Amino acid sequence: MNVVATVVFVALFVGIAVLGFASAHWRKGDMNHLHEWGLGGRRFGTWITWFLIGGDLYTAYTFVAVPALVFGAGALGFFALPYTVLVYPMVFAILPRLWIVAKKHNYITASDFVAGRYGSPALALAIAVTGIVATMPYIALQLVGIQVVIGGLGFSTQGLMGDVPLVIAFVILAAFTYTSGLRAPASIAVVKDLLVYITVIALIIVVPYKLGGFGNIFAAIPKGHLLLPPVKDGNLGLQTFYPTLAFGSALALMLYPHATTAVLSAKGPNTLRRNWVFLPAYSFMLGLIALLGYMAYASGIAKLPELAPYFKQYGPQFAMPGLLLHYFPSWFVGVGFAAVAIGALVPAAIMSIAAANLFTRNIYKPYINPNCSTHKETEMAKLVSLLVKFGALLFIVFLPLTYAIQLQLLGGILILQTLPAIVSGIYTRWFDAKALLLGWAAGLVWGVWAASLSGFKASGYGLHIAGLVIPAYIGLYALVINFVVAIVATLVIGALGMANKQDATVAADYAG
């Protein structure tokens, strides 16, 4: 066990836990109301919102998985960089309008908006269930970062006893989320991001210096790792798959429930617009994080006797932790590992709150207990947030990591099918709710079927039919099918005089 690193790690983790519990008294509000517990009272200003959204979208799995993908697969790992650049112009135009109408009608979730906009509890239920299912494995994957750094500290992560540190971490997470709601990850996000920036900047300066500069690093990388595979015999391969994966991932990112929760917690639409201008700073940081994969490859740390056992157990996931262990003193290893672990707690907390909001507002209240009080509604959300975390923990404890990753990749395809109902609803009431429900079902069924043919592998997320591979992100194919079915069905329903134009909102609700 690395005693010094462990002491620093535990000290920072305990400090974060204390901050999480203390957050209940920050900007105090009546925590018996769901908008206070689950959205922080919609009072977060520009800087807190910036840290919260950044901490929400750039997770611990990002810090571990992006260098791991670059280390193992080369240039393909950089797809995360363009998709985070693409997402900001889209959300700049779309999500402030959602905030405005949500504030006016006290909508807590995107499904609340869908229910009001289309007058369709069934469509709102479909959107809520999709969001919860897509979020669960995403929470589980935050555990990957904690698992890897706990192993790097010298603790075994094998067997039942190996899961004890993970259980302790998530019990602490569950406790301060239950008491403090969204205020906890909002306050912790500030500390988490500072630790991440310090760690990444130190890695970017120290490791190239030790290796003789970036020139030596890139010279040690095989050409196949630096470039996408070339076009051969008319087969575009990754040349086509890469941009479609980036674009599809950008569309999906803004639809995840945790993204919506962070957005609706802001003080106002202008707060959000300012954030979309400054959030690309995280994309710059993501580019530096991706470069760590090349540094790990060039340094040859996977073959070092003291680190080889870790790479054997965790594979490329140990690329970034391996750099810390090899090039930095123990006390800084503790800081860097704490940044990864805390980086898991922030998004996991927001995701569990988002899933709890969806269940409570769009399943429990309309279908199980329509007459529940405001207090009962909030208590149910707190309870569900605990159950969601427990379910995510079971993913890691009882299922191979590969399954969790496959389910999270599938989650991107699933969440994309909510786009027609949510995004089109922000701008137009032309679609019929029944048509949108048919489109959602068609896109969902086709997307799951097509993904199963590719074995749920990210690199194989082209369309596989009868031995033919059409290289583009399956989620986009499914989304196109979704839209086509919804458009045709809306026209048919309108022609039959069966259209439902019920709408709880008016045009003026979207202005501001």
Protein backbone atom coordinates (compact mmCIF):
# COMPACT_ATOMS: atom_id res chain seq x y z
CA MET A 1 0.00 0.00 0.00
CA ASN A 2 1.20 3.50 -0.84
CA VAL A 3 0.75 4.97 2.64
CA VAL A 4 1.48 8.64 1.87
CA ALA A 5 -0.77 8.69 -1.22
CA THR A 6 -3.52 6.89 0.71
CA VAL A 7 -3.42 9.40 3.58
CA VAL A 8 -3.67 12.36 1.18
CA PHE A 9 -6.42 10.61 -0.78
CA VAL A 10 -8.49 9.84 2.32
CA ALA A 11 -8.00 13.33 3.76
CA LEU A 12 -9.28 14.98 0.57
CA PHE A 13 -12.14 12.49 0.30
CA VAL A 14 -13.22 13.15 3.89
CA GLY A 15 -13.01 16.90 3.29
CA ILE A 16 -15.28 16.56 0.28
CA ALA A 17 -17.76 14.48 2.30
CA VAL A 18 -17.91 17.18 4.98
CA LEU A 19 -18.47 19.82 2.31
CA GLY A 20 -21.25 17.70 0.82
CA PHE A 21 -23.12 17.51 4.12
CA ALA A 22 -22.54 21.21 4.86
CA SER A 23 -24.02 22.14 1.47
CA ALA A 24 -27.52 21.62 2.88
CA HIS A 25 -27.09 24.98 4.65
CA TRP A 26 -25.83 26.81 1.55
CA ARG A 27 -28.43 29.10 -0.04
CA LYS A 28 -30.98 27.58 2.28
CA GLY A 29 -34.41 26.71 0.99
CA ASP A 30 -37.27 24.46 1.98
CA MET A 31 -35.85 21.02 1.20
CA ASN A 32 -39.35 19.58 1.36
CA HIS A 33 -39.92 21.00 -2.12
CA LEU A 34 -38.57 19.03 -5.07
CA HIS A 35 -37.37 22.12 -6.95
CA GLU A 36 -35.21 22.98 -3.91
CA TRP A 37 -33.80 19.50 -3.31
CA GLY A 38 -33.57 18.41 -6.95
CA LEU A 39 -32.77 21.72 -8.68
CA GLY A 40 -31.12 23.81 -5.96
CA GLY A 41 -34.03 26.24 -6.07
CA ARG A 42 -33.05 27.25 -9.64
CA ARG A 43 -30.70 29.83 -8.11
CA PHE A 44 -27.21 28.88 -9.27
CA GLY A 45 -25.31 31.77 -10.83
CA THR A 46 -22.83 31.82 -13.71
CA TRP A 47 -19.77 30.39 -11.96
CA ILE A 48 -21.53 27.69 -9.94
CA THR A 49 -23.47 26.65 -13.04
CA TRP A 50 -20.21 26.54 -15.01
CA PHE A 51 -18.58 24.22 -12.49
CA LEU A 52 -21.76 22.15 -12.10
CA ILE A 53 -22.32 21.56 -15.82
CA GLY A 54 -18.62 20.97 -16.38
CA GLY A 55 -18.49 18.52 -13.50
CA ASP A 56 -21.65 16.89 -14.81
CA LEU A 57 -20.46 16.33 -18.39
CA TYR A 58 -16.73 15.71 -17.78
CA THR A 59 -16.83 12.73 -15.47
CA ALA A 60 -14.24 10.53 -13.74
CA TYR A 61 -14.79 8.01 -16.49
CA THR A 62 -13.76 10.72 -18.95
CA PHE A 63 -10.44 11.26 -17.18
CA VAL A 64 -9.74 7.54 -17.15
CA ALA A 65 -11.37 6.34 -20.38
CA VAL A 66 -10.25 9.01 -22.85
CA PRO A 67 -6.50 8.50 -22.22
CA ALA A 68 -7.21 4.74 -22.16
CA LEU A 69 -8.85 4.87 -25.60
CA VAL A 70 -6.03 6.96 -27.07
CA PHE A 71 -3.48 4.62 -25.44
CA GLY A 72 -5.18 1.53 -26.87
CA ALA A 73 -6.80 2.69 -30.12
CA GLY A 74 -4.90 5.84 -31.04
CA ALA A 75 -6.52 8.73 -32.92
CA LEU A 76 -10.06 7.35 -32.60
CA GLY A 77 -9.92 8.34 -28.93
CA PHE A 78 -9.96 12.01 -29.92
CA PHE A 79 -13.60 11.75 -31.11
CA ALA A 80 -14.60 13.05 -27.66
CA LEU A 81 -12.95 16.39 -28.44
CA PRO A 82 -15.00 17.46 -31.50
CA TYR A 83 -18.26 16.28 -30.01
CA THR A 84 -17.81 18.50 -26.94
CA VAL A 85 -17.12 21.38 -29.32
CA LEU A 86 -20.20 20.60 -31.40
CA VAL A 87 -22.55 20.39 -28.44
CA TYR A 88 -22.18 23.97 -27.19
CA PRO A 89 -23.67 25.84 -30.20
CA MET A 90 -26.62 23.44 -30.16
CA VAL A 91 -27.38 23.86 -26.47
CA PHE A 92 -26.87 27.63 -26.76
CA ALA A 93 -29.84 27.74 -29.12
CA ILE A 94 -32.02 25.08 -27.51
CA LEU A 95 -31.75 24.72 -23.75
CA PRO A 96 -32.32 28.34 -22.61
CA ARG A 97 -35.80 28.09 -24.19
CA LEU A 98 -36.43 24.93 -22.20
CA TRP A 99 -35.35 26.70 -18.99
CA ILE A 100 -37.78 29.57 -19.65
CA VAL A 101 -40.87 27.42 -20.14
CA ALA A 102 -39.84 25.05 -17.32
CA LYS A 103 -39.56 27.96 -14.89
CA LYS A 104 -42.98 29.35 -15.85
CA HIS A 105 -44.73 26.01 -15.39
CA ASN A 106 -42.57 24.59 -12.56
CA TYR A 107 -41.32 21.73 -14.73
CA ILE A 108 -38.62 19.75 -12.97
CA THR A 109 -37.75 17.33 -15.80
CA ALA A 110 -37.80 17.19 -19.59
CA SER A 111 -40.66 14.69 -19.27
CA ASP A 112 -42.67 17.31 -17.36
CA PHE A 113 -42.23 19.58 -20.37
CA VAL A 114 -43.26 16.83 -22.81
CA ALA A 115 -46.37 16.04 -20.73
CA GLY A 116 -47.42 19.69 -20.74
CA ARG A 117 -46.48 20.44 -24.34
CA TYR A 118 -48.25 17.44 -25.88
CA GLY A 119 -50.87 16.60 -23.26
CA SER A 120 -49.66 12.99 -23.40
CA PRO A 121 -48.83 11.13 -20.17
CA ALA A 122 -47.84 8.10 -22.27
CA LEU A 123 -45.22 10.03 -24.24
CA ALA A 124 -43.91 11.61 -21.03
CA LEU A 125 -43.67 8.16 -19.46
CA ALA A 126 -41.69 6.85 -22.45
CA ILE A 127 -39.24 9.76 -22.21
CA ALA A 128 -38.85 9.27 -18.43
CA VAL A 129 -38.24 5.51 -18.63
CA THR A 130 -35.73 6.00 -21.44
CA GLY A 131 -33.85 8.58 -19.40
CA ILE A 132 -33.68 6.39 -16.30
CA VAL A 133 -32.54 3.30 -18.23
CA ALA A 134 -29.87 5.28 -20.10
CA THR A 135 -28.59 6.86 -16.89
CA MET A 136 -28.15 3.76 -14.71
CA PRO A 137 -25.06 2.28 -16.46
CA TYR A 138 -23.65 5.82 -16.77
CA ILE A 139 -23.65 6.07 -12.98
CA ALA A 140 -22.08 2.62 -12.73
CA LEU A 141 -19.20 3.65 -14.97
CA GLN A 142 -18.24 6.41 -12.55
CA LEU A 143 -17.20 3.58 -10.28
CA VAL A 144 -14.58 2.55 -12.82
CA GLY A 145 -12.46 5.59 -12.01
CA ILE A 146 -12.72 4.95 -8.27
CA GLN A 147 -11.90 1.27 -8.78
CA VAL A 148 -8.77 2.01 -10.78
CA VAL A 149 -7.32 4.57 -8.35
CA ILE A 150 -8.11 2.42 -5.31
CA GLY A 151 -6.18 -0.38 -7.02
CA GLY A 152 -3.37 2.07 -7.77
CA LEU A 153 -3.11 2.90 -4.07
CA GLY A 154 -2.28 -0.74 -3.44
CA PHE A 155 -5.65 -2.10 -2.36
CA SER A 156 -7.09 -5.23 -3.94
CA THR A 157 -10.25 -4.63 -5.97
CA GLN A 158 -10.89 -8.34 -6.52
CA GLY A 159 -13.55 -10.38 -4.76
CA LEU A 160 -16.14 -9.27 -2.24
CA MET A 161 -13.67 -7.55 0.11
CA GLY A 162 -12.24 -5.69 -2.86
CA ASP A 163 -15.60 -3.97 -3.31
CA VAL A 164 -15.65 -2.59 0.24
CA PRO A 165 -13.93 0.75 -0.65
CA LEU A 166 -16.44 1.27 -3.47
CA VAL A 167 -19.34 0.56 -1.14
CA ILE A 168 -17.97 3.02 1.43
CA ALA A 169 -17.54 5.72 -1.23
CA PHE A 170 -21.09 5.32 -2.48
CA VAL A 171 -22.60 5.16 1.02
CA ILE A 172 -21.00 8.55 1.66
CA LEU A 173 -22.27 9.79 -1.71
CA ALA A 174 -25.78 8.52 -0.97
CA ALA A 175 -25.82 10.16 2.46
CA PHE A 176 -24.84 13.68 1.45
CA THR A 177 -26.99 13.57 -1.69
CA TYR A 178 -29.99 12.56 0.42
CA THR A 179 -29.51 15.43 2.86
CA SER A 180 -28.23 18.19 0.57
CA GLY A 181 -29.71 17.38 -2.85
CA LEU A 182 -28.20 19.17 -5.85
CA ARG A 183 -26.44 21.70 -3.62
CA ALA A 184 -23.90 19.00 -2.67
CA PRO A 185 -22.51 18.24 -6.16
CA ALA A 186 -22.71 21.94 -7.03
CA SER A 187 -20.38 22.90 -4.19
CA ILE A 188 -18.12 19.86 -4.59
CA ALA A 189 -17.79 20.51 -8.33
CA VAL A 190 -15.70 23.62 -7.62
CA VAL A 191 -13.13 21.64 -5.60
CA LYS A 192 -13.21 18.73 -8.02
CA ASP A 193 -12.46 20.91 -11.04
CA LEU A 194 -9.60 22.69 -9.27
CA LEU A 195 -8.02 19.34 -8.40
CA VAL A 196 -8.48 18.08 -11.96
CA TYR A 197 -6.94 21.20 -13.51
CA ILE A 198 -3.95 21.03 -11.14
CA THR A 199 -3.42 17.32 -11.88
CA VAL A 200 -3.72 17.58 -15.66
CA ILE A 201 -1.52 20.69 -15.94
CA ALA A 202 1.15 19.00 -13.81
CA LEU A 203 1.03 15.91 -16.04
CA ILE A 204 1.22 17.97 -19.22
CA ILE A 205 4.32 19.82 -17.96
CA VAL A 206 6.24 17.14 -16.06
CA VAL A 207 5.80 14.06 -18.28
CA PRO A 208 6.90 15.69 -21.58
CA TYR A 209 9.87 17.21 -19.72
CA LYS A 210 10.86 13.75 -18.45
CA LEU A 211 10.45 12.25 -21.94
CA GLY A 212 12.46 14.95 -23.72
CA GLY A 213 9.58 16.96 -25.18
CA PHE A 214 6.51 16.38 -27.33
CA GLY A 215 8.70 15.71 -30.37
CA ASN A 216 10.10 12.59 -28.73
CA ILE A 217 6.61 11.55 -27.60
CA PHE A 218 5.09 11.71 -31.08
CA ALA A 219 8.15 10.11 -32.64
CA ALA A 220 7.60 7.08 -30.39
CA ILE A 221 3.94 6.66 -31.50
CA PRO A 222 3.30 4.32 -34.48
CA LYS A 223 1.75 6.04 -37.49
CA GLY A 224 -1.34 3.86 -37.17
CA HIS A 225 -1.93 5.33 -33.72
CA LEU A 226 -1.56 8.93 -34.90
CA LEU A 227 -3.99 8.76 -37.84
CA LEU A 228 -7.32 7.17 -38.60
CA PRO A 229 -7.02 4.18 -40.96
CA PRO A 230 -6.77 5.37 -44.58
CA VAL A 231 -9.51 4.91 -47.16
CA LYS A 232 -9.04 1.60 -49.01
CA ASP A 233 -10.97 0.22 -51.99
CA GLY A 234 -13.78 2.70 -51.51
CA ASN A 235 -14.40 1.53 -47.94
CA LEU A 236 -14.55 4.70 -45.87
CA GLY A 237 -14.42 2.82 -42.56
CA LEU A 238 -13.55 5.08 -39.62
CA GLN A 239 -13.29 8.09 -41.94
CA THR A 240 -17.11 8.14 -41.97
CA PHE A 241 -17.75 6.61 -38.57
CA TYR A 242 -15.64 9.18 -36.70
CA PRO A 243 -17.64 12.36 -37.56
CA THR A 244 -21.03 10.63 -37.23
CA LEU A 245 -20.05 9.27 -33.81
CA ALA A 246 -18.95 12.76 -32.73
CA PHE A 247 -22.15 14.39 -34.00
CA GLY A 248 -24.43 11.72 -32.57
CA SER A 249 -22.66 11.86 -29.21
CA ALA A 250 -23.09 15.64 -29.13
CA LEU A 251 -26.82 15.33 -29.74
CA ALA A 252 -27.14 12.66 -27.06
CA LEU A 253 -25.11 14.53 -24.45
CA MET A 254 -27.57 17.41 -24.11
CA LEU A 255 -30.53 15.02 -23.75
CA TYR A 256 -29.28 13.01 -20.77
CA PRO A 257 -31.36 13.71 -17.63
CA HIS A 258 -28.33 14.86 -15.65
CA ALA A 259 -27.60 17.50 -18.29
CA THR A 260 -31.20 18.73 -18.11
CA THR A 261 -31.07 18.81 -14.31
CA ALA A 262 -27.91 20.91 -14.31
CA VAL A 263 -29.40 23.28 -16.90
CA LEU A 264 -32.71 23.77 -15.07
CA SER A 265 -30.86 24.59 -11.82
CA ALA A 266 -29.39 27.79 -13.34
CA LYS A 267 -30.59 31.23 -12.29
CA GLY A 268 -31.81 32.14 -15.78
CA PRO A 269 -31.38 31.77 -19.54
CA ASN A 270 -28.63 34.38 -19.72
CA THR A 271 -26.68 32.45 -17.09
CA LEU A 272 -26.83 29.45 -19.41
CA ARG A 273 -25.84 31.42 -22.50
CA ARG A 274 -22.78 32.81 -20.72
CA ASN A 275 -21.89 29.27 -19.71
CA TRP A 276 -22.02 27.94 -23.27
CA VAL A 277 -19.52 30.64 -24.22
CA PHE A 278 -17.01 29.69 -21.49
CA LEU A 279 -17.54 25.90 -21.26
CA PRO A 280 -15.24 25.18 -24.26
CA ALA A 281 -12.41 25.67 -21.74
CA TYR A 282 -13.29 22.15 -20.67
CA SER A 283 -12.84 20.99 -24.28
CA PHE A 284 -9.32 22.39 -24.23
CA MET A 285 -8.68 20.47 -21.01
CA LEU A 286 -10.16 17.35 -22.61
CA GLY A 287 -7.64 17.64 -25.44
CA LEU A 288 -4.81 17.70 -22.89
CA ILE A 289 -6.33 14.69 -21.11
CA ALA A 290 -6.44 12.78 -24.42
CA LEU A 291 -2.75 13.49 -24.98
CA LEU A 292 -1.99 11.61 -21.77
CA GLY A 293 -2.78 8.41 -23.69
CA TYR A 294 0.05 9.13 -26.12
CA MET A 295 2.38 10.01 -23.25
CA ALA A 296 1.62 6.71 -21.53
CA TYR A 297 2.25 4.83 -24.78
CA ALA A 298 5.53 6.64 -25.50
CA SER A 299 6.82 6.19 -21.95
CA GLY A 300 6.38 2.43 -22.06
CA ILE A 301 5.01 2.36 -18.52
CA ALA A 302 2.79 -0.65 -19.30
CA LYS A 303 5.96 -2.79 -19.47
CA LEU A 304 7.59 -1.54 -16.29
CA PRO A 305 7.82 -4.35 -13.69
CA GLU A 306 6.21 -2.29 -10.94
CA LEU A 307 3.25 -1.22 -13.14
CA ALA A 308 2.77 -4.22 -15.43
CA PRO A 309 0.50 -6.04 -12.91
CA TYR A 310 -1.84 -3.03 -12.84
CA PHE A 311 -2.06 -2.92 -16.64
CA LYS A 312 -2.70 -6.65 -16.68
CA GLN A 313 -5.63 -6.19 -14.32
CA TYR A 314 -7.10 -2.89 -15.57
CA GLY A 315 -5.79 -2.74 -19.15
CA PRO A 316 -5.53 0.68 -20.84
CA GLN A 317 -7.71 2.14 -18.05
CA PHE A 318 -4.51 2.44 -16.00
CA ALA A 319 -2.75 4.75 -18.48
CA MET A 320 -3.37 8.02 -16.63
CA PRO A 321 -2.98 6.60 -13.08
CA GLY A 322 0.19 4.86 -14.25
CA LEU A 323 1.72 8.18 -15.31
CA LEU A 324 1.01 9.63 -11.87
CA LEU A 325 2.55 6.67 -10.08
CA HIS A 326 5.68 6.62 -12.22
CA TYR A 327 6.54 10.31 -12.53
CA PHE A 328 5.25 11.97 -9.34
CA PRO A 329 5.92 11.82 -5.59
CA SER A 330 3.44 9.91 -3.45
CA TRP A 331 1.74 12.97 -1.99
CA PHE A 332 0.84 14.26 -5.47
CA VAL A 333 -0.34 10.78 -6.47
CA GLY A 334 -2.84 11.11 -3.61
CA VAL A 335 -4.00 14.49 -4.99
CA GLY A 336 -4.39 13.16 -8.54
CA PHE A 337 -6.18 9.99 -7.45
CA ALA A 338 -8.51 12.06 -5.25
CA ALA A 339 -9.31 14.25 -8.28
CA VAL A 340 -10.44 11.14 -10.18
CA ALA A 341 -12.47 9.75 -7.26
CA ILE A 342 -14.13 13.08 -6.49
CA GLY A 343 -14.67 13.47 -10.21
CA ALA A 344 -16.83 10.36 -9.95
CA LEU A 345 -18.92 11.61 -7.05
CA VAL A 346 -20.11 14.85 -8.70
CA PRO A 347 -21.69 13.38 -11.86
CA ALA A 348 -22.92 10.29 -10.00
CA ALA A 349 -24.77 12.53 -7.54
CA ILE A 350 -26.33 14.63 -10.31
CA MET A 351 -27.28 11.53 -12.31
CA SER A 352 -28.96 9.88 -9.33
CA ILE A 353 -30.89 13.07 -8.56
CA ALA A 354 -31.95 13.38 -12.20
CA ALA A 355 -33.19 9.77 -12.30
CA ALA A 356 -35.02 10.28 -8.99
CA ASN A 357 -36.70 13.44 -10.32
CA LEU A 358 -37.88 11.54 -13.41
CA PHE A 359 -39.28 8.62 -11.44
CA THR A 360 -41.04 10.80 -8.89
CA ARG A 361 -42.55 13.40 -11.23
CA ASN A 362 -43.33 11.24 -14.24
CA ILE A 363 -44.00 7.74 -12.87
CA TYR A 364 -44.79 7.84 -9.14
CA LYS A 365 -46.96 10.97 -9.05
CA PRO A 366 -49.08 10.45 -12.21
CA TYR A 367 -49.46 6.65 -12.01
CA ILE A 368 -48.96 5.50 -8.39
CA ASN A 369 -49.93 8.34 -6.05
CA PRO A 370 -51.57 11.24 -7.94
CA ASN A 371 -52.60 12.96 -4.70
CA CYS A 372 -49.19 12.89 -3.01
CA SER A 373 -48.20 16.01 -1.12
CA THR A 374 -45.20 18.17 -1.95
CA HIS A 375 -43.37 16.74 1.07
CA LYS A 376 -44.17 13.15 0.06
CA GLU A 377 -43.02 13.85 -3.50
CA THR A 378 -39.64 15.06 -2.27
CA GLU A 379 -39.22 12.19 0.19
CA MET A 380 -39.90 9.71 -2.62
CA ALA A 381 -37.27 11.40 -4.80
CA LYS A 382 -34.70 11.14 -1.98
CA LEU A 383 -35.50 7.44 -1.52
CA VAL A 384 -35.28 6.71 -5.24
CA SER A 385 -31.92 8.49 -5.47
CA LEU A 386 -30.61 5.96 -2.93
CA LEU A 387 -32.06 3.02 -4.86
CA VAL A 388 -30.54 4.28 -8.11
CA LYS A 389 -27.07 4.44 -6.56
CA PHE A 390 -27.53 0.97 -5.12
CA GLY A 391 -28.55 -0.36 -8.53
CA ALA A 392 -25.49 1.25 -10.14
CA LEU A 393 -23.28 -0.36 -7.50
CA LEU A 394 -24.73 -3.77 -8.39
CA PHE A 395 -23.66 -3.23 -12.01
CA ILE A 396 -20.02 -3.16 -10.97
CA VAL A 397 -20.13 -5.69 -8.15
CA PHE A 398 -22.01 -8.45 -9.98
CA LEU A 399 -21.58 -7.75 -13.70
CA PRO A 400 -18.34 -7.72 -15.72
CA LEU A 401 -17.17 -4.21 -16.55
CA THR A 402 -17.67 -4.96 -20.25
CA TYR A 403 -21.42 -5.24 -19.72
CA ALA A 404 -21.62 -1.85 -18.02
CA ILE A 405 -19.67 -0.24 -20.86
CA GLN A 406 -21.87 -1.91 -23.47
CA LEU A 407 -25.01 -0.75 -21.69
CA GLN A 408 -23.68 2.80 -21.46
CA LEU A 409 -22.88 2.80 -25.18
CA LEU A 410 -26.40 1.53 -25.84
CA GLY A 411 -27.67 4.31 -23.56
CA GLY A 412 -26.48 6.89 -26.09
CA ILE A 413 -28.63 5.27 -28.78
CA LEU A 414 -31.61 5.13 -26.43
CA ILE A 415 -31.40 8.72 -25.23
CA LEU A 416 -31.15 10.01 -28.81
CA GLN A 417 -34.69 8.73 -29.41
CA THR A 418 -36.04 11.37 -27.01
CA LEU A 419 -34.76 14.18 -29.26
CA PRO A 420 -37.81 14.55 -31.57
CA ALA A 421 -40.22 14.95 -28.66
CA ILE A 422 -38.05 17.27 -26.55
CA VAL A 423 -36.18 19.42 -29.07
CA SER A 424 -38.95 19.77 -31.66
CA GLY A 425 -41.36 20.56 -28.82
CA ILE A 426 -39.20 23.49 -27.76
CA TYR A 427 -39.79 25.08 -31.19
CA THR A 428 -43.04 23.71 -32.64
CA ARG A 429 -46.27 21.91 -31.76
CA TRP A 430 -46.61 20.45 -35.28
CA PHE A 431 -45.93 16.83 -34.28
CA ASP A 432 -48.72 14.71 -32.86
CA ALA A 433 -48.00 12.98 -29.54
CA LYS A 434 -49.11 9.57 -30.82
CA ALA A 435 -46.84 9.95 -33.85
CA LEU A 436 -43.88 10.89 -31.64
CA LEU A 437 -44.55 7.81 -29.51
CA LEU A 438 -44.56 5.60 -32.63
CA GLY A 439 -41.31 7.21 -33.82
CA TRP A 440 -39.72 6.72 -30.40
CA ALA A 441 -40.67 3.03 -30.39
CA ALA A 442 -39.46 2.47 -33.97
CA GLY A 443 -36.10 4.17 -33.35
CA LEU A 444 -35.64 2.34 -30.06
CA VAL A 445 -36.39 -1.14 -31.41
CA TRP A 446 -34.30 -0.66 -34.53
CA GLY A 447 -31.38 0.87 -32.61
CA VAL A 448 -31.21 -1.97 -30.08
CA TRP A 449 -31.45 -4.57 -32.85
CA ALA A 450 -28.76 -2.94 -34.97
CA ALA A 451 -26.46 -2.45 -31.97
CA SER A 452 -26.85 -6.12 -31.04
CA LEU A 453 -25.59 -7.08 -34.50
CA SER A 454 -22.39 -5.13 -33.86
CA GLY A 455 -21.87 -6.76 -30.48
CA PHE A 456 -22.41 -3.42 -28.70
CA LYS A 457 -18.82 -2.40 -29.46
CA ALA A 458 -18.01 1.28 -29.89
CA SER A 459 -15.62 0.60 -32.76
CA GLY A 460 -18.23 -1.62 -34.40
CA TYR A 461 -21.07 0.83 -34.18
CA GLY A 462 -21.47 0.84 -37.92
CA LEU A 463 -24.48 -0.91 -39.41
CA HIS A 464 -23.84 -4.65 -39.97
CA ILE A 465 -26.26 -6.29 -42.43
CA ALA A 466 -25.59 -9.53 -44.36
CA GLY A 467 -21.84 -9.07 -44.09
CA LEU A 468 -22.02 -5.46 -45.30
CA VAL A 469 -20.76 -2.74 -42.95
CA ILE A 470 -22.09 0.78 -43.44
CA PRO A 471 -19.78 2.90 -41.28
CA ALA A 472 -21.84 5.46 -39.39
CA TYR A 473 -23.05 5.76 -35.82
CA ILE A 474 -26.09 3.53 -35.30
CA GLY A 475 -27.75 6.12 -33.07
CA LEU A 476 -28.08 8.49 -36.03
CA TYR A 477 -29.68 5.80 -38.21
CA ALA A 478 -32.18 5.13 -35.43
CA LEU A 479 -32.86 8.86 -35.02
CA VAL A 480 -33.57 9.24 -38.75
CA ILE A 481 -36.03 6.32 -38.60
CA ASN A 482 -37.61 7.93 -35.54
CA PHE A 483 -38.14 11.24 -37.34
CA VAL A 484 -39.44 9.63 -40.56
CA VAL A 485 -42.01 7.56 -38.67
CA ALA A 486 -43.07 10.57 -36.57
CA ILE A 487 -43.47 12.81 -39.63
CA VAL A 488 -45.44 10.27 -41.66
CA ALA A 489 -47.62 9.30 -38.70
CA THR A 490 -48.36 12.97 -37.91
CA LEU A 491 -49.50 13.55 -41.49
CA VAL A 492 -51.68 10.42 -41.46
CA ILE A 493 -53.21 11.20 -38.06
CA GLY A 494 -53.93 14.75 -39.19
CA ALA A 495 -55.55 13.53 -42.43
CA LEU A 496 -57.77 11.17 -40.41
CA GLY A 497 -58.86 14.03 -38.14
CA MET A 498 -57.42 12.29 -35.05
CA ALA A 499 -54.81 14.91 -34.15
CA ASN A 500 -54.54 16.07 -30.54
CA LYS A 501 -53.42 19.69 -30.26
CA GLN A 502 -53.64 19.89 -26.46
CA ASP A 503 -50.87 22.13 -25.11
CA ALA A 504 -50.44 23.54 -21.61
CA THR A 505 -47.98 26.16 -22.87
CA VAL A 506 -48.41 29.24 -25.04
CA ALA A 507 -46.04 31.01 -27.41
CA ALA A 508 -45.23 33.72 -24.86
CA ASP A 509 -43.87 31.07 -22.45
CA TYR A 510 -40.83 30.55 -24.66
CA ALA A 511 -39.76 34.19 -24.91
CA GLY A 512 -37.09 35.59 -22.61
